[in-house]
């Protein structure tokens, strides 16, 4: 008798300082992505991880299993969320239009069109 619980794979992008990690997390059958992120332990296991430099977007390394420290994560999103991020690229690029270069963050309200 097997005690393994079948998990649902979810392809994600994880942004940490200086790197973007593309890989798969494995969700419990009845768990939403947001529940996994909020309830995850100190380290998040990612399988089939590809590590890219954030600035040049060049493949830096690959690992069959990578444990990422939760407190190092700047952003995590499922690959299906890519259309939202492509829409935000224009906002990030327009940051150059601000004369005040000390601007460290931009608040974006995704609920308004």
Protein backbone atom coordinates (compact mmCIF):
# COMPACT_ATOMS: atom_id res chain seq x y z
CA UNK A 1 0.00 0.00 0.00
CA UNK A 2 1.41 3.35 -1.07
CA UNK A 3 1.13 6.35 1.24
CA UNK A 4 2.19 8.84 -1.42
CA UNK A 5 -0.14 11.74 -2.16
CA UNK A 6 -0.31 12.69 -5.83
CA UNK A 7 0.55 16.36 -6.24
CA UNK A 8 -0.27 18.78 -9.01
CA UNK A 9 2.77 20.30 -10.75
CA UNK A 10 2.73 24.07 -11.26
CA UNK A 11 5.34 25.79 -13.44
CA UNK A 12 6.47 29.00 -11.74
CA UNK A 13 8.89 31.88 -11.99
CA UNK A 14 10.55 32.96 -8.76
CA UNK A 15 12.39 36.24 -8.50
CA UNK A 16 15.13 36.51 -5.88
CA UNK A 17 17.82 39.20 -5.69
CA UNK A 18 19.88 39.04 -8.93
CA UNK A 19 18.20 35.84 -10.25
CA UNK A 20 15.01 34.49 -11.81
CA UNK A 21 14.29 30.83 -11.24
CA UNK A 22 11.98 28.90 -13.53
CA UNK A 23 10.86 25.51 -12.30
CA UNK A 24 8.05 23.38 -10.94
CA UNK A 25 6.48 23.39 -7.49
CA UNK A 26 4.16 20.59 -6.47
CA UNK A 27 0.81 21.48 -4.91
CA UNK A 28 -1.42 19.23 -2.82
CA UNK A 29 -4.52 18.23 -4.81
CA UNK A 30 -6.94 20.61 -3.06
CA UNK A 31 -4.48 23.49 -2.56
CA UNK A 32 -4.52 26.78 -4.43
CA UNK A 33 -1.29 28.44 -5.50
CA UNK A 34 -1.78 31.30 -3.03
CA UNK A 35 -2.36 28.82 -0.19
CA UNK A 36 0.93 27.09 -1.01
CA UNK A 37 2.87 30.34 -1.00
CA UNK A 38 1.34 31.54 2.28
CA UNK A 39 1.64 28.19 4.10
CA UNK A 40 5.00 27.04 2.77
CA UNK A 41 7.79 26.24 5.21
CA UNK A 42 11.10 28.09 5.42
CA UNK A 43 12.32 26.51 2.17
CA UNK A 44 10.30 26.00 -1.02
CA UNK A 45 11.33 22.97 -3.11
CA UNK A 46 11.52 23.57 -6.86
CA UNK A 47 12.17 20.74 -9.33
CA UNK A 48 13.67 21.14 -12.80
CA UNK A 49 15.03 24.54 -11.82
CA UNK A 50 16.66 26.81 -14.37
CA UNK A 51 18.45 29.81 -12.89
CA UNK A 52 18.69 32.96 -15.01
CA UNK A 53 20.53 36.20 -14.29
CA UNK A 54 17.94 38.90 -13.74
CA UNK A 55 19.64 41.65 -15.75
CA UNK A 56 20.96 39.78 -18.79
CA UNK A 57 18.33 36.99 -18.66
CA UNK A 58 21.05 34.43 -19.40
CA UNK A 59 20.91 30.85 -18.15
CA UNK A 60 23.33 30.67 -15.26
CA UNK A 61 22.74 27.16 -13.92
CA UNK A 62 20.32 24.23 -13.75
CA UNK A 63 19.40 21.92 -10.88
CA UNK A 64 17.08 18.91 -10.66
CA UNK A 65 16.05 20.07 -7.16
CA UNK A 66 16.50 23.49 -5.64
CA UNK A 67 15.39 24.59 -2.17
CA UNK A 68 14.71 28.34 -2.09
CA UNK A 69 14.63 30.24 1.16
CA UNK A 70 11.19 31.79 1.48
CA UNK A 71 12.43 35.06 2.97
CA UNK A 72 14.68 35.63 -0.09
CA UNK A 73 11.76 35.58 -2.52
CA UNK A 74 10.91 38.96 -4.01
CA UNK A 75 8.14 37.64 -6.28
CA UNK A 76 6.67 34.27 -7.20
CA UNK A 77 4.09 33.70 -9.91
CA UNK A 78 2.77 30.82 -11.98
CA UNK A 79 3.74 30.90 -15.65
CA UNK A 80 0.07 31.37 -16.56
CA UNK A 81 0.37 34.85 -15.00
CA UNK A 82 2.79 35.99 -17.73
CA UNK A 83 0.20 38.18 -19.58
CA UNK A 84 -0.20 40.31 -16.43
CA UNK A 85 3.56 40.78 -16.16
CA UNK A 86 3.88 41.68 -19.85
CA UNK A 87 1.29 44.39 -19.26
CA UNK A 88 3.37 45.70 -16.35
CA UNK A 89 6.57 45.93 -18.43
CA UNK A 90 5.38 49.25 -19.83
CA UNK A 91 4.96 50.59 -16.32
CA UNK A 92 8.47 49.55 -15.32
CA UNK A 93 9.94 51.05 -18.48
CA UNK A 94 8.07 54.30 -17.91
CA UNK A 95 9.84 54.65 -14.56
CA UNK A 96 12.66 56.29 -16.54
CA UNK A 97 10.29 59.20 -17.16
CA UNK A 98 10.40 60.15 -13.47
CA UNK A 99 12.90 62.93 -12.79
CA UNK A 100 13.35 61.73 -9.20
CA UNK A 101 15.75 58.78 -9.54
CA UNK A 102 15.50 58.00 -5.81
CA UNK A 103 12.19 56.23 -6.48
CA UNK A 104 12.70 52.72 -5.11
CA UNK A 105 9.30 51.16 -5.69
CA UNK A 106 6.13 51.75 -7.63
CA UNK A 107 2.67 50.80 -6.41
CA UNK A 108 0.57 49.29 -9.16
CA UNK A 109 -3.14 48.76 -8.66
CA UNK A 110 -4.12 45.84 -10.92
CA UNK A 111 -7.81 46.23 -10.08
CA UNK A 112 -8.11 49.50 -12.03
CA UNK A 113 -8.03 49.73 -15.78
